[in-house]
């Protein structure tokens, strides 16, 4: 079966970065990240979601965090040197990134945005992120994701009480 080629997959292929693509049956409508992990049969703690934010400066930033966690907007703002950061409206995702909601990959967006991956990823060899299309995930080494997305590790998630 031929692998679906999204911008993210093409970029990894071009850089000769080893990755594994997984397809899953995506129901109509939005599927949250925990459901995606279950649909792919992957451990929830290894599946990460891509969130697009905008700072007070109007710059966009990408945060990649575990699917079961919540982005700490204050930590993200501090990391990116912004006074305040907010999630962009879902309707703006395609215009800003070139991807659709639920299929936004940290690799291969229309423009290279400053990107941070939650530091929880540093304890793993590989993580799973969107491959750029609903129903498509990809697994790759954390070091390769950091390189391909031109990202840094940062403390980005809300602390559990």
N, C-alpha and C. Protein backbone atom coordinates (compact mmCIF):
# COMPACT_ATOMS: atom_id res chain seq x y z
N UNK A 1 0.85 -1.19 0.00
CA UNK A 1 0.00 0.00 0.00
C UNK A 1 0.88 1.24 0.00
N UNK A 2 0.59 2.16 -0.86
CA UNK A 2 1.38 3.39 -0.95
C UNK A 2 1.08 4.29 0.25
N UNK A 3 2.15 4.87 0.79
CA UNK A 3 1.98 5.78 1.92
C UNK A 3 1.48 7.12 1.41
N UNK A 4 0.55 7.69 2.13
CA UNK A 4 0.04 9.02 1.79
C UNK A 4 1.15 10.02 2.03
N UNK A 5 1.39 10.88 1.08
CA UNK A 5 2.46 11.86 1.20
C UNK A 5 1.89 13.23 1.55
N UNK A 6 2.09 13.64 2.77
CA UNK A 6 1.71 14.98 3.21
C UNK A 6 2.98 15.83 3.21
N UNK A 7 2.83 17.12 3.44
CA UNK A 7 4.02 17.98 3.54
C UNK A 7 4.98 17.46 4.60
N UNK A 8 4.44 17.03 5.74
CA UNK A 8 5.28 16.54 6.83
C UNK A 8 6.07 15.31 6.40
N UNK A 9 5.41 14.35 5.77
CA UNK A 9 6.07 13.12 5.34
C UNK A 9 7.10 13.43 4.25
N UNK A 10 6.75 14.29 3.31
CA UNK A 10 7.70 14.67 2.25
C UNK A 10 8.95 15.33 2.83
N UNK A 11 8.76 16.18 3.84
CA UNK A 11 9.90 16.86 4.45
C UNK A 11 10.82 15.85 5.14
N UNK A 12 10.24 14.88 5.85
CA UNK A 12 11.06 13.86 6.50
C UNK A 12 11.79 13.01 5.46
N UNK A 13 11.09 12.65 4.38
CA UNK A 13 11.72 11.87 3.31
C UNK A 13 12.90 12.65 2.70
N UNK A 14 12.69 13.95 2.45
CA UNK A 14 13.73 14.78 1.84
C UNK A 14 14.97 14.87 2.74
N UNK A 15 14.74 14.87 4.05
CA UNK A 15 15.87 14.96 5.00
C UNK A 15 16.40 13.56 5.38
N UNK A 16 15.81 12.54 4.75
CA UNK A 16 16.18 11.15 5.03
C UNK A 16 16.08 10.82 6.52
N UNK A 17 15.00 11.30 7.12
CA UNK A 17 14.73 11.03 8.54
C UNK A 17 13.83 9.80 8.64
N UNK A 18 14.30 8.83 9.40
CA UNK A 18 13.56 7.58 9.58
C UNK A 18 12.27 7.84 10.36
N UNK A 19 11.16 7.34 9.84
CA UNK A 19 9.87 7.51 10.51
C UNK A 19 8.93 6.39 10.08
N UNK A 20 7.90 6.19 10.87
CA UNK A 20 6.89 5.19 10.58
C UNK A 20 5.54 5.90 10.53
N UNK A 21 4.79 5.70 9.46
CA UNK A 21 3.48 6.33 9.33
C UNK A 21 2.39 5.31 9.66
N UNK A 22 1.40 5.76 10.44
CA UNK A 22 0.28 4.91 10.82
C UNK A 22 -1.02 5.55 10.35
N UNK A 23 -1.85 4.75 9.70
CA UNK A 23 -3.18 5.23 9.31
C UNK A 23 -4.19 4.67 10.31
N UNK A 24 -5.21 5.43 10.59
CA UNK A 24 -6.29 4.93 11.44
C UNK A 24 -7.61 5.43 10.88
N UNK A 25 -8.66 4.72 11.24
CA UNK A 25 -9.99 5.07 10.77
C UNK A 25 -10.47 6.28 11.57
N UNK A 26 -10.57 7.41 10.89
CA UNK A 26 -11.02 8.64 11.56
C UNK A 26 -12.51 8.83 11.32
N UNK A 27 -13.28 8.89 12.39
CA UNK A 27 -14.72 9.12 12.22
C UNK A 27 -14.99 10.54 11.75
N UNK A 28 -16.19 10.78 11.28
CA UNK A 28 -16.57 12.14 10.90
C UNK A 28 -16.50 13.02 12.14
N UNK A 29 -16.07 14.24 11.95
CA UNK A 29 -15.98 15.16 13.10
C UNK A 29 -14.62 15.08 13.76
N UNK A 30 -14.46 15.81 14.84
CA UNK A 30 -13.19 15.93 15.53
C UNK A 30 -12.94 14.77 16.48
N UNK A 31 -11.72 14.27 16.47
CA UNK A 31 -11.30 13.20 17.36
C UNK A 31 -10.21 13.78 18.27
N UNK A 32 -10.39 13.68 19.60
CA UNK A 32 -9.36 14.22 20.48
C UNK A 32 -8.14 13.30 20.49
N UNK A 33 -7.03 13.82 21.00
CA UNK A 33 -5.76 13.10 20.95
C UNK A 33 -5.75 11.77 21.67
N UNK A 34 -6.44 11.67 22.81
CA UNK A 34 -6.49 10.41 23.54
C UNK A 34 -7.21 9.36 22.69
N UNK A 35 -8.28 9.77 22.01
CA UNK A 35 -9.00 8.85 21.11
C UNK A 35 -8.12 8.43 19.93
N UNK A 36 -7.29 9.36 19.44
CA UNK A 36 -6.36 9.04 18.35
C UNK A 36 -5.38 7.97 18.83
N UNK A 37 -4.84 8.14 20.04
CA UNK A 37 -3.90 7.16 20.59
C UNK A 37 -4.56 5.78 20.65
N UNK A 38 -5.80 5.74 21.12
CA UNK A 38 -6.52 4.46 21.20
C UNK A 38 -6.77 3.88 19.80
N UNK A 39 -7.13 4.75 18.85
CA UNK A 39 -7.41 4.31 17.48
C UNK A 39 -6.17 3.71 16.81
N UNK A 40 -4.99 4.23 17.17
CA UNK A 40 -3.75 3.73 16.56
C UNK A 40 -3.14 2.61 17.39
N UNK A 41 -3.70 2.38 18.60
CA UNK A 41 -3.16 1.33 19.46
C UNK A 41 -1.84 1.72 20.12
N UNK A 42 -1.55 3.00 20.15
CA UNK A 42 -0.30 3.50 20.72
C UNK A 42 -0.50 3.92 22.17
N UNK A 43 0.55 3.80 23.00
CA UNK A 43 0.43 4.26 24.38
C UNK A 43 0.16 5.77 24.42
N UNK A 44 -0.83 6.17 25.18
CA UNK A 44 -1.24 7.58 25.25
C UNK A 44 -0.07 8.51 25.57
N UNK A 45 0.82 8.08 26.46
CA UNK A 45 1.93 8.96 26.86
C UNK A 45 2.95 9.20 25.75
N UNK A 46 2.91 8.41 24.67
CA UNK A 46 3.84 8.61 23.55
C UNK A 46 3.23 9.41 22.41
N UNK A 47 1.93 9.71 22.49
CA UNK A 47 1.26 10.46 21.42
C UNK A 47 1.16 11.93 21.83
N UNK A 48 1.63 12.80 20.95
CA UNK A 48 1.67 14.24 21.21
C UNK A 48 0.77 14.98 20.23
N UNK A 49 0.22 16.10 20.70
CA UNK A 49 -0.64 16.93 19.84
C UNK A 49 0.09 18.23 19.53
N UNK A 50 -0.28 18.82 18.40
CA UNK A 50 0.32 20.05 17.93
C UNK A 50 -0.68 21.18 18.13
N UNK A 51 -0.28 22.18 18.90
CA UNK A 51 -1.14 23.33 19.19
C UNK A 51 -0.51 24.59 18.63
N UNK A 52 -1.33 25.41 18.00
CA UNK A 52 -0.83 26.65 17.41
C UNK A 52 -1.36 27.82 18.23
N UNK A 53 -0.44 28.69 18.62
CA UNK A 53 -0.78 29.82 19.48
C UNK A 53 -0.35 31.13 18.82
N UNK A 54 -0.81 32.22 19.43
CA UNK A 54 -0.41 33.54 18.95
C UNK A 54 -0.10 34.41 20.16
N UNK A 55 1.02 35.10 20.09
CA UNK A 55 1.43 35.97 21.18
C UNK A 55 0.89 37.37 21.02
N UNK A 56 1.10 38.19 22.05
CA UNK A 56 0.70 39.59 22.02
C UNK A 56 1.30 40.31 20.81
N UNK A 57 2.49 39.86 20.40
CA UNK A 57 3.21 40.45 19.26
C UNK A 57 2.57 40.09 17.91
N UNK A 58 1.56 39.21 17.93
CA UNK A 58 0.88 38.67 16.74
C UNK A 58 1.69 37.57 16.05
N UNK A 59 2.84 37.22 16.62
CA UNK A 59 3.64 36.10 16.10
C UNK A 59 2.94 34.80 16.47
N UNK A 60 3.09 33.78 15.62
CA UNK A 60 2.53 32.46 15.90
C UNK A 60 3.62 31.55 16.44
N UNK A 61 3.22 30.65 17.34
CA UNK A 61 4.12 29.69 17.95
C UNK A 61 3.46 28.33 17.96
N UNK A 62 4.28 27.29 17.87
CA UNK A 62 3.77 25.92 17.86
C UNK A 62 4.25 25.21 19.12
N UNK A 63 3.30 24.56 19.80
CA UNK A 63 3.60 23.80 21.02
C UNK A 63 3.18 22.36 20.80
N UNK A 64 4.09 21.44 21.08
CA UNK A 64 3.82 20.01 20.90
C UNK A 64 3.85 19.39 22.30
N UNK A 65 2.67 18.90 22.73
CA UNK A 65 2.54 18.38 24.10
C UNK A 65 1.83 17.03 24.10
N UNK A 66 1.98 16.25 25.19
CA UNK A 66 1.27 14.97 25.26
C UNK A 66 -0.25 15.17 25.12
N UNK A 67 -0.90 14.25 24.42
CA UNK A 67 -2.34 14.41 24.13
C UNK A 67 -3.22 14.48 25.37
N UNK A 68 -2.79 13.87 26.46
CA UNK A 68 -3.63 13.85 27.66
C UNK A 68 -3.37 15.05 28.57
N UNK A 69 -2.47 15.94 28.14
CA UNK A 69 -2.09 17.09 28.98
C UNK A 69 -2.70 18.38 28.44
N UNK A 70 -2.58 19.43 29.26
CA UNK A 70 -3.10 20.74 28.90
C UNK A 70 -1.93 21.72 28.78
N UNK A 71 -1.96 22.55 27.76
CA UNK A 71 -0.91 23.55 27.56
C UNK A 71 -1.02 24.63 28.63
N UNK A 72 0.10 24.94 29.27
CA UNK A 72 0.16 26.04 30.23
C UNK A 72 0.55 27.29 29.43
N UNK A 73 -0.44 28.14 29.18
CA UNK A 73 -0.21 29.32 28.33
C UNK A 73 0.83 30.27 28.93
N UNK A 74 0.88 30.36 30.25
CA UNK A 74 1.88 31.24 30.90
C UNK A 74 3.30 30.70 30.67
N UNK A 75 3.46 29.40 30.81
CA UNK A 75 4.79 28.80 30.57
C UNK A 75 5.20 28.98 29.12
N UNK A 76 4.25 28.78 28.20
CA UNK A 76 4.54 28.94 26.77
C UNK A 76 4.93 30.38 26.47
N UNK A 77 4.19 31.33 27.02
CA UNK A 77 4.49 32.76 26.80
C UNK A 77 5.89 33.07 27.30
N UNK A 78 6.21 32.59 28.48
CA UNK A 78 7.55 32.84 29.05
C UNK A 78 8.62 32.24 28.15
N UNK A 79 8.40 31.00 27.70
CA UNK A 79 9.40 30.34 26.84
C UNK A 79 9.65 31.14 25.55
N UNK A 80 8.58 31.63 24.94
CA UNK A 80 8.72 32.33 23.67
C UNK A 80 8.99 33.83 23.84
N UNK A 81 9.09 34.30 25.10
CA UNK A 81 9.41 35.70 25.34
C UNK A 81 8.24 36.63 25.06
N UNK A 82 7.03 36.13 25.25
CA UNK A 82 5.83 36.92 25.02
C UNK A 82 5.20 37.30 26.36
N UNK A 83 4.48 38.42 26.36
CA UNK A 83 3.76 38.84 27.55
C UNK A 83 2.58 37.88 27.80
N UNK A 84 1.92 37.51 26.70
CA UNK A 84 0.75 36.64 26.78
C UNK A 84 0.64 35.83 25.49
N UNK A 85 0.14 34.62 25.62
CA UNK A 85 -0.07 33.74 24.46
C UNK A 85 -1.47 33.16 24.56
N UNK A 86 -2.13 33.03 23.41
CA UNK A 86 -3.47 32.42 23.36
C UNK A 86 -3.50 31.41 22.22
N UNK A 87 -4.41 30.44 22.34
CA UNK A 87 -4.63 29.49 21.25
C UNK A 87 -5.25 30.27 20.09
N UNK A 88 -4.88 29.92 18.86
CA UNK A 88 -5.55 30.57 17.73
C UNK A 88 -6.92 29.92 17.56
N UNK A 89 -7.89 30.67 17.02
CA UNK A 89 -9.21 30.07 16.78
C UNK A 89 -9.09 28.91 15.79
N UNK A 90 -9.85 27.84 16.00
CA UNK A 90 -9.81 26.66 15.14
C UNK A 90 -10.01 27.03 13.67
N UNK A 91 -10.85 28.04 13.41
CA UNK A 91 -11.12 28.43 12.01
C UNK A 91 -9.88 29.00 11.32
N UNK A 92 -8.87 29.42 12.09
CA UNK A 92 -7.66 30.01 11.51
C UNK A 92 -6.54 29.00 11.27
N UNK A 93 -6.72 27.77 11.73
CA UNK A 93 -5.63 26.78 11.63
C UNK A 93 -5.16 26.58 10.19
N UNK A 94 -6.09 26.38 9.26
CA UNK A 94 -5.70 26.12 7.88
C UNK A 94 -5.01 27.33 7.26
N UNK A 95 -5.54 28.51 7.51
CA UNK A 95 -4.94 29.74 6.95
C UNK A 95 -3.51 29.92 7.46
N UNK A 96 -3.30 29.68 8.75
CA UNK A 96 -1.98 29.90 9.36
C UNK A 96 -0.99 28.78 9.01
N UNK A 97 -1.45 27.52 9.08
CA UNK A 97 -0.51 26.39 8.97
C UNK A 97 -0.54 25.65 7.64
N UNK A 98 -1.67 25.69 6.94
CA UNK A 98 -1.83 24.87 5.74
C UNK A 98 -2.41 23.50 6.07
N UNK A 99 -2.56 23.20 7.35
CA UNK A 99 -3.15 21.94 7.80
C UNK A 99 -4.56 22.20 8.33
N UNK A 100 -5.32 21.10 8.54
CA UNK A 100 -6.67 21.26 9.09
C UNK A 100 -6.69 20.83 10.56
N UNK A 101 -7.70 21.26 11.28
CA UNK A 101 -7.85 20.88 12.69
C UNK A 101 -7.89 19.36 12.80
N UNK A 102 -7.11 18.84 13.72
CA UNK A 102 -7.05 17.40 13.91
C UNK A 102 -6.01 16.73 13.03
N UNK A 103 -5.40 17.51 12.12
CA UNK A 103 -4.38 16.96 11.23
C UNK A 103 -3.20 17.90 11.09
N UNK A 104 -2.92 18.62 12.16
CA UNK A 104 -1.86 19.64 12.13
C UNK A 104 -0.55 19.02 12.62
N UNK A 105 0.44 18.96 11.76
CA UNK A 105 1.75 18.41 12.10
C UNK A 105 2.71 19.54 12.45
N UNK A 106 3.64 19.30 13.38
CA UNK A 106 4.63 20.33 13.69
C UNK A 106 5.68 20.48 12.58
N UNK A 107 5.62 19.59 11.59
CA UNK A 107 6.57 19.61 10.47
C UNK A 107 5.83 19.95 9.19
N UNK A 108 6.41 20.82 8.37
CA UNK A 108 5.86 21.09 7.04
C UNK A 108 4.73 22.09 6.97
N UNK A 109 4.64 22.99 7.96
CA UNK A 109 3.63 24.05 7.88
C UNK A 109 4.00 25.03 6.77
N UNK A 110 3.05 25.87 6.39
CA UNK A 110 3.28 26.87 5.33
C UNK A 110 4.52 27.70 5.61
N UNK A 111 4.73 28.01 6.89
CA UNK A 111 5.81 28.86 7.32
C UNK A 111 6.46 28.19 8.53
N UNK A 112 7.75 28.43 8.71
CA UNK A 112 8.43 27.87 9.88
C UNK A 112 8.19 28.78 11.08
N UNK A 113 7.44 28.27 12.05
CA UNK A 113 7.18 29.03 13.28
C UNK A 113 8.11 28.53 14.38
N UNK A 114 8.35 29.39 15.37
CA UNK A 114 9.11 28.94 16.54
C UNK A 114 8.30 27.82 17.17
N UNK A 115 8.99 26.72 17.45
CA UNK A 115 8.32 25.51 17.93
C UNK A 115 8.98 24.99 19.19
N UNK A 116 8.17 24.55 20.14
CA UNK A 116 8.67 23.94 21.37
C UNK A 116 7.94 22.62 21.60
N UNK A 117 8.70 21.63 22.03
CA UNK A 117 8.15 20.31 22.36
C UNK A 117 8.28 20.16 23.88
N UNK A 118 7.21 19.70 24.51
CA UNK A 118 7.26 19.57 25.96
C UNK A 118 8.43 18.68 26.38
N UNK A 119 9.07 19.09 27.48
CA UNK A 119 10.27 18.40 27.96
C UNK A 119 10.01 16.95 28.35
N UNK A 120 8.75 16.55 28.52
CA UNK A 120 8.44 15.15 28.83
C UNK A 120 8.94 14.22 27.71
N UNK A 121 9.10 14.75 26.51
CA UNK A 121 9.56 13.95 25.37
C UNK A 121 11.03 13.56 25.49
N UNK A 122 11.81 14.30 26.29
CA UNK A 122 13.24 14.00 26.36
C UNK A 122 13.52 12.65 27.00
N UNK A 123 12.55 12.08 27.70
CA UNK A 123 12.72 10.77 28.33
C UNK A 123 12.32 9.62 27.41
N UNK A 124 11.94 9.93 26.18
CA UNK A 124 11.49 8.90 25.25
C UNK A 124 12.39 8.84 24.03
N UNK A 125 12.51 7.63 23.48
CA UNK A 125 13.29 7.50 22.25
C UNK A 125 12.48 8.04 21.08
N UNK A 126 11.20 7.66 21.03
CA UNK A 126 10.34 8.05 19.92
C UNK A 126 9.00 8.54 20.43
N UNK A 127 8.41 9.48 19.68
CA UNK A 127 7.05 9.91 19.98
C UNK A 127 6.24 9.91 18.69
N UNK A 128 4.95 10.04 18.84
CA UNK A 128 4.03 10.01 17.71
C UNK A 128 3.34 11.36 17.62
N UNK A 129 3.35 11.94 16.42
CA UNK A 129 2.69 13.22 16.16
C UNK A 129 1.87 13.09 14.88
N UNK A 130 1.05 14.07 14.62
CA UNK A 130 0.26 14.05 13.38
C UNK A 130 1.20 14.08 12.18
N UNK A 131 0.82 13.34 11.16
CA UNK A 131 1.59 13.33 9.92
C UNK A 131 1.03 14.35 8.93
N UNK A 132 0.10 15.20 9.39
CA UNK A 132 -0.39 16.28 8.53
C UNK A 132 -1.74 16.03 7.88
N UNK A 133 -2.46 15.04 8.38
CA UNK A 133 -3.78 14.73 7.83
C UNK A 133 -4.56 13.97 8.89
N UNK A 134 -5.84 14.22 9.01
CA UNK A 134 -6.67 13.45 9.93
C UNK A 134 -6.62 11.99 9.48
N UNK A 135 -6.37 11.08 10.42
CA UNK A 135 -6.27 9.66 10.08
C UNK A 135 -4.85 9.20 9.80
N UNK A 136 -3.89 10.10 10.02
CA UNK A 136 -2.49 9.77 9.74
C UNK A 136 -1.60 10.29 10.86
N UNK A 137 -0.85 9.38 11.47
CA UNK A 137 0.10 9.74 12.53
C UNK A 137 1.47 9.24 12.09
N UNK A 138 2.52 9.81 12.67
CA UNK A 138 3.86 9.32 12.36
C UNK A 138 4.68 9.24 13.64
N UNK A 139 5.53 8.22 13.67
CA UNK A 139 6.40 7.99 14.81
C UNK A 139 7.83 8.25 14.37
N UNK A 140 8.56 9.01 15.18
CA UNK A 140 9.96 9.28 14.87
C UNK A 140 10.72 9.57 16.15
N UNK A 141 12.04 9.53 16.02
CA UNK A 141 12.90 9.81 17.17
C UNK A 141 12.70 11.26 17.61
N UNK A 142 12.72 11.49 18.92
CA UNK A 142 12.54 12.84 19.46
C UNK A 142 13.62 13.76 18.89
N UNK A 143 14.85 13.28 18.81
CA UNK A 143 15.94 14.10 18.28
C UNK A 143 15.67 14.49 16.82
N UNK A 144 15.08 13.58 16.05
CA UNK A 144 14.76 13.88 14.64
C UNK A 144 13.61 14.88 14.55
N UNK A 145 12.63 14.76 15.44
CA UNK A 145 11.52 15.72 15.45
C UNK A 145 12.04 17.11 15.81
N UNK A 146 12.90 17.18 16.81
CA UNK A 146 13.48 18.47 17.20
C UNK A 146 14.20 19.10 16.01
N UNK A 147 14.94 18.29 15.28
CA UNK A 147 15.68 18.78 14.11
C UNK A 147 14.75 19.19 12.97
N UNK A 148 13.81 18.30 12.61
CA UNK A 148 12.91 18.56 11.47
C UNK A 148 11.99 19.74 11.70
N UNK A 149 11.56 19.94 12.96
CA UNK A 149 10.65 21.05 13.28
C UNK A 149 11.42 22.29 13.74
N UNK A 150 12.75 22.18 13.77
CA UNK A 150 13.59 23.27 14.26
C UNK A 150 13.09 23.72 15.64
N UNK A 151 12.89 22.72 16.51
CA UNK A 151 12.24 22.96 17.80
C UNK A 151 13.23 22.84 18.96
N UNK A 152 12.74 23.29 20.11
CA UNK A 152 13.50 23.15 21.36
C UNK A 152 12.59 22.46 22.37
N UNK A 153 13.21 21.88 23.38
CA UNK A 153 12.43 21.31 24.48
C UNK A 153 12.12 22.43 25.48
N UNK A 154 10.93 22.39 26.07
CA UNK A 154 10.53 23.41 27.05
C UNK A 154 9.50 22.81 28.00
N UNK A 155 9.36 23.42 29.16
CA UNK A 155 8.33 23.03 30.13
C UNK A 155 7.05 23.72 29.69
N UNK A 156 6.09 22.97 29.16
CA UNK A 156 4.89 23.58 28.55
C UNK A 156 3.56 23.14 29.14
N UNK A 157 3.54 22.12 29.99
CA UNK A 157 2.24 21.61 30.41
C UNK A 157 1.85 22.04 31.82
N UNK A 158 0.55 22.05 32.04
CA UNK A 158 -0.02 22.40 33.34
C UNK A 158 0.39 21.30 34.33
N UNK A 159 0.91 21.72 35.47
CA UNK A 159 1.31 20.77 36.52
C UNK A 159 0.07 20.09 37.09
N UNK A 160 0.18 18.79 37.31
CA UNK A 160 -0.92 18.03 37.91
C UNK A 160 -0.99 18.37 39.40
N UNK A 161 -2.19 18.56 39.90
CA UNK A 161 -2.36 18.89 41.33
C UNK A 161 -2.21 17.66 42.19
